[in-house]
Amino acid sequence: MSETTISKHITLTDKAAEHVKNFLAKNDASLGLRLATRTTGCSGYQYVVEAAEQTTEQDEVFESKGVKIFVDKLSLPLLIGTEMDYVREGLNEEFQFKNPNSQETCGCGESFSV
């Protein structure tokens, strides 16, 4: 039987890192990217992505491809091992998450369960 090891980090693909760096460059106050979860949606949790303008003692800080990623300790168990990608399909652009903790994603793609 083979074992899959889940990375203890949050990572970005090259496309996600490029998009995030461009986004953060427009905000002088940003320290990096904040990735969190909130309870909502059909399946239970939704990803929250925003500029981190401050850090707290509740934050774990990761770095991927030159981007600092701030994750609060409540969201961390839901996000550990997640890879964040940035995808363009036609006129639509969005972040996509490869989360090894996610058991199910709702039909609309807005939320996930663990």
Protein backbone atom coordinates (compact mmCIF):
# COMPACT_ATOMS: atom_id res chain seq x y z
CA MET A 1 0.00 0.00 0.00
CA SER A 2 1.42 3.39 -0.93
CA GLU A 3 1.13 6.49 1.20
CA THR A 4 0.54 9.98 -0.07
CA THR A 5 2.31 12.68 1.89
CA ILE A 6 0.49 15.99 2.13
CA SER A 7 2.77 19.00 1.92
CA LYS A 8 2.77 21.14 5.04
CA HIS A 9 2.90 24.24 2.88
CA ILE A 10 0.57 26.41 0.85
CA THR A 11 1.95 26.80 -2.68
CA LEU A 12 1.29 28.86 -5.80
CA THR A 13 1.70 27.85 -9.42
CA ASP A 14 3.76 30.14 -11.65
CA LYS A 15 0.59 31.69 -13.10
CA ALA A 16 -0.93 32.29 -9.66
CA ALA A 17 2.31 33.84 -8.36
CA GLU A 18 2.52 36.19 -11.35
CA HIS A 19 -1.10 37.29 -10.93
CA VAL A 20 -0.73 37.78 -7.17
CA LYS A 21 2.50 39.79 -7.56
CA ASN A 22 0.78 42.11 -10.07
CA PHE A 23 -2.21 42.48 -7.74
CA LEU A 24 -0.06 43.21 -4.67
CA ALA A 25 2.09 45.73 -6.57
CA LYS A 26 -0.99 47.96 -6.84
CA ASN A 27 -1.31 48.14 -3.04
CA ASP A 28 1.69 49.68 -1.26
CA ALA A 29 0.34 48.62 2.14
CA SER A 30 0.23 44.91 1.31
CA LEU A 31 2.63 42.54 3.03
CA GLY A 32 1.53 39.57 0.94
CA LEU A 33 -1.51 37.43 0.25
CA ARG A 34 -4.04 36.39 2.87
CA LEU A 35 -5.67 33.01 2.25
CA ALA A 36 -8.47 32.02 4.60
CA THR A 37 -11.75 30.15 4.78
CA ARG A 38 -15.18 31.17 5.97
CA THR A 39 -18.25 29.11 6.71
CA THR A 40 -20.70 29.56 3.85
CA GLY A 41 -22.07 28.04 0.68
CA CYS A 42 -23.61 24.69 -0.19
CA SER A 43 -20.73 22.55 1.06
CA GLY A 44 -19.59 24.39 4.17
CA TYR A 45 -16.43 26.43 3.47
CA GLN A 46 -15.43 29.08 0.97
CA TYR A 47 -11.95 30.32 0.10
CA VAL A 48 -11.15 33.96 0.91
CA VAL A 49 -8.29 35.58 -1.01
CA GLU A 50 -7.23 39.16 -0.26
CA ALA A 51 -4.21 41.39 0.28
CA ALA A 52 -2.67 41.04 3.74
CA GLU A 53 -2.06 44.53 5.08
CA GLN A 54 -1.15 43.41 8.58
CA THR A 55 -0.15 40.27 10.40
CA THR A 56 -1.41 38.91 13.70
CA GLU A 57 -0.08 36.38 16.17
CA GLN A 58 -2.74 33.99 14.78
CA ASP A 59 -1.05 33.92 11.37
CA GLU A 60 1.20 31.25 9.93
CA VAL A 61 3.36 32.64 7.13
CA PHE A 62 4.43 30.64 4.08
CA GLU A 63 6.39 31.75 1.05
CA SER A 64 5.90 30.43 -2.46
CA LYS A 65 7.60 31.76 -5.59
CA GLY A 66 8.46 35.05 -3.88
CA VAL A 67 4.97 35.66 -2.44
CA LYS A 68 4.32 35.68 1.31
CA ILE A 69 1.09 33.85 2.15
CA PHE A 70 -0.62 34.57 5.49
CA VAL A 71 -3.01 31.91 6.84
CA ASP A 72 -4.83 32.22 10.17
CA LYS A 73 -4.54 29.25 12.53
CA LEU A 74 -8.27 28.44 12.29
CA SER A 75 -8.13 28.12 8.49
CA LEU A 76 -4.78 26.32 8.40
CA PRO A 77 -6.05 22.75 9.01
CA LEU A 78 -8.46 23.19 6.08
CA LEU A 79 -5.80 24.61 3.76
CA ILE A 80 -2.58 22.75 4.55
CA GLY A 81 -1.12 21.26 1.39
CA THR A 82 -3.23 23.42 -0.94
CA GLU A 83 -1.88 24.52 -4.31
CA MET A 84 -3.38 27.72 -5.68
CA ASP A 85 -3.55 28.20 -9.46
CA TYR A 86 -4.79 31.05 -11.65
CA VAL A 87 -6.74 30.01 -14.73
CA ARG A 88 -8.13 31.92 -17.71
CA GLU A 89 -10.91 30.26 -19.69
CA GLY A 90 -12.30 32.48 -22.42
CA LEU A 91 -13.33 35.75 -20.78
CA ASN A 92 -13.33 34.24 -17.29
CA GLU A 93 -10.40 34.37 -14.87
CA GLU A 94 -10.29 32.73 -11.47
CA PHE A 95 -8.17 31.16 -8.79
CA GLN A 96 -8.50 27.39 -8.57
CA PHE A 97 -7.48 25.37 -5.54
CA LYS A 98 -6.06 21.86 -5.41
CA ASN A 99 -6.83 21.10 -1.79
CA PRO A 100 -6.00 17.60 -0.51
CA ASN A 101 -8.30 18.20 2.48
CA SER A 102 -11.39 18.86 0.35
CA GLN A 103 -13.74 15.89 0.27
CA GLU A 104 -16.38 17.46 -1.93
CA THR A 105 -17.01 20.63 -3.94
CA CYS A 106 -20.49 22.01 -4.49
CA GLY A 107 -21.93 22.04 -8.00
CA CYS A 108 -21.45 25.79 -8.43
CA GLY A 109 -17.78 25.51 -7.40
CA GLU A 110 -18.08 28.20 -4.73
CA SER A 111 -17.59 26.05 -1.63
CA PHE A 112 -16.06 22.81 -0.37
CA SER A 113 -16.37 20.37 2.52
CA VAL A 114 -13.77 18.46 4.52
